Amino acid sequence: MKGHLQRLAPAVDREMRDMAERKRAERRCEERRAIAPCPADGNRGKLAGGVAHDFNNILSVVSGYANLLQMKMAKTGAAPKELVEIERLS
């Protein structure tokens, strides 16, 4: 990318215009919120819900493996404190 510095200024200009348009859209949305819900608000909720769902799926896997390791280590001796902490937090 160092050889393409001439592309930097147009890219920055384009991003600044996009940011300004997003801010204008947010302001319009805030102004209309008193009248009716903004469509973007529903999308944020769906996105947040989807991210939370995916994150919980990952945490379930971590918790499951921590539980399996804890059971295996219980046969041979005490589980490491980090493993116990993962199980406690999940």
Protein backbone atom coordinates (compact mmCIF):
# COMPACT_ATOMS: atom_id res chain seq x y z
CA MET A 1 0.00 0.00 0.00
CA LYS A 2 2.94 2.37 0.49
CA GLY A 3 3.26 2.59 -3.28
CA HIS A 4 -0.36 3.72 -3.66
CA LEU A 5 -0.42 6.85 -1.50
CA GLN A 6 -2.27 8.76 -4.24
CA ARG A 7 -5.32 6.64 -3.32
CA LEU A 8 -5.22 7.73 0.33
CA ALA A 9 -6.74 11.22 -0.01
CA PRO A 10 -9.74 10.08 -2.11
CA ALA A 11 -10.37 7.21 0.30
CA VAL A 12 -10.29 9.56 3.30
CA ASP A 13 -12.61 12.01 1.52
CA ARG A 14 -15.05 9.21 0.67
CA GLU A 15 -15.05 7.94 4.25
CA MET A 16 -15.59 11.45 5.63
CA ARG A 17 -18.60 11.91 3.31
CA ASP A 18 -19.97 8.50 4.39
CA MET A 19 -19.53 9.38 8.07
CA ALA A 20 -21.26 12.73 7.56
CA GLU A 21 -24.17 11.00 5.80
CA ARG A 22 -24.49 8.43 8.61
CA LYS A 23 -24.56 11.24 11.18
CA ARG A 24 -27.25 13.09 9.19
CA ALA A 25 -29.29 9.89 8.97
CA GLU A 26 -28.94 9.35 12.73
CA ARG A 27 -30.09 12.92 13.41
CA ARG A 28 -33.09 12.50 11.13
CA CYS A 29 -33.89 9.25 12.88
CA GLU A 30 -33.66 10.90 16.31
CA GLU A 31 -35.94 13.71 15.17
CA ARG A 32 -38.54 11.23 13.94
CA ARG A 33 -38.30 8.96 16.96
CA ALA A 34 -40.94 10.97 18.77
CA ILE A 35 -43.37 10.32 15.91
CA ALA A 36 -42.56 6.71 14.94
CA PRO A 37 -39.86 4.14 15.58
CA CYS A 38 -36.89 4.31 13.27
CA PRO A 39 -36.34 1.24 11.04
CA ALA A 40 -32.64 1.25 11.90
CA ASP A 41 -33.49 0.74 15.58
CA GLY A 42 -35.00 -2.66 14.86
CA ASN A 43 -31.93 -3.69 12.90
CA ARG A 44 -29.67 -2.78 15.81
CA GLY A 45 -31.70 -5.01 18.09
CA LYS A 46 -31.54 -7.89 15.64
CA LEU A 47 -27.80 -7.43 15.21
CA ALA A 48 -27.18 -7.29 18.95
CA GLY A 49 -29.37 -10.34 19.48
CA GLY A 50 -27.52 -12.25 16.77
CA VAL A 51 -24.13 -11.34 18.19
CA ALA A 52 -25.25 -12.34 21.69
CA HIS A 53 -26.58 -15.64 20.36
CA ASP A 54 -23.31 -16.42 18.54
CA PHE A 55 -21.28 -15.44 21.59
CA ASN A 56 -23.38 -17.71 23.81
CA ASN A 57 -22.81 -20.59 21.39
CA ILE A 58 -19.05 -20.12 21.71
CA LEU A 59 -19.27 -19.84 25.50
CA SER A 60 -21.29 -23.06 25.63
CA VAL A 61 -18.52 -24.90 23.81
CA VAL A 62 -15.85 -23.47 26.13
CA SER A 63 -17.94 -24.34 29.16
CA GLY A 64 -18.55 -27.86 27.89
CA TYR A 65 -14.87 -28.55 27.28
CA ALA A 66 -13.95 -27.04 30.66
CA ASN A 67 -16.50 -29.35 32.28
CA LEU A 68 -15.12 -32.40 30.45
CA LEU A 69 -11.55 -31.51 31.44
CA GLN A 70 -12.61 -30.98 35.04
CA MET A 71 -14.25 -34.42 35.13
CA LYS A 72 -11.14 -36.06 33.65
CA MET A 73 -8.84 -34.28 36.08
CA ALA A 74 -11.06 -35.14 39.05
CA LYS A 75 -10.10 -38.79 38.51
CA THR A 76 -6.39 -38.02 38.74
CA GLY A 77 -6.43 -35.19 41.25
CA ALA A 78 -7.51 -31.60 41.72
CA ALA A 79 -8.33 -29.53 38.65
CA PRO A 80 -6.22 -26.42 38.02
CA LYS A 81 -7.69 -23.26 39.49
CA GLU A 82 -8.06 -21.71 36.01
CA LEU A 83 -10.27 -24.61 34.94
CA VAL A 84 -12.40 -24.28 38.06
CA GLU A 85 -12.72 -20.53 37.38
CA ILE A 86 -13.88 -21.13 33.78
CA GLU A 87 -16.52 -23.55 35.03
CA ARG A 88 -17.63 -21.12 37.74
CA LEU A 89 -17.99 -18.21 35.33
CA SER A 90 -19.89 -20.08 32.63
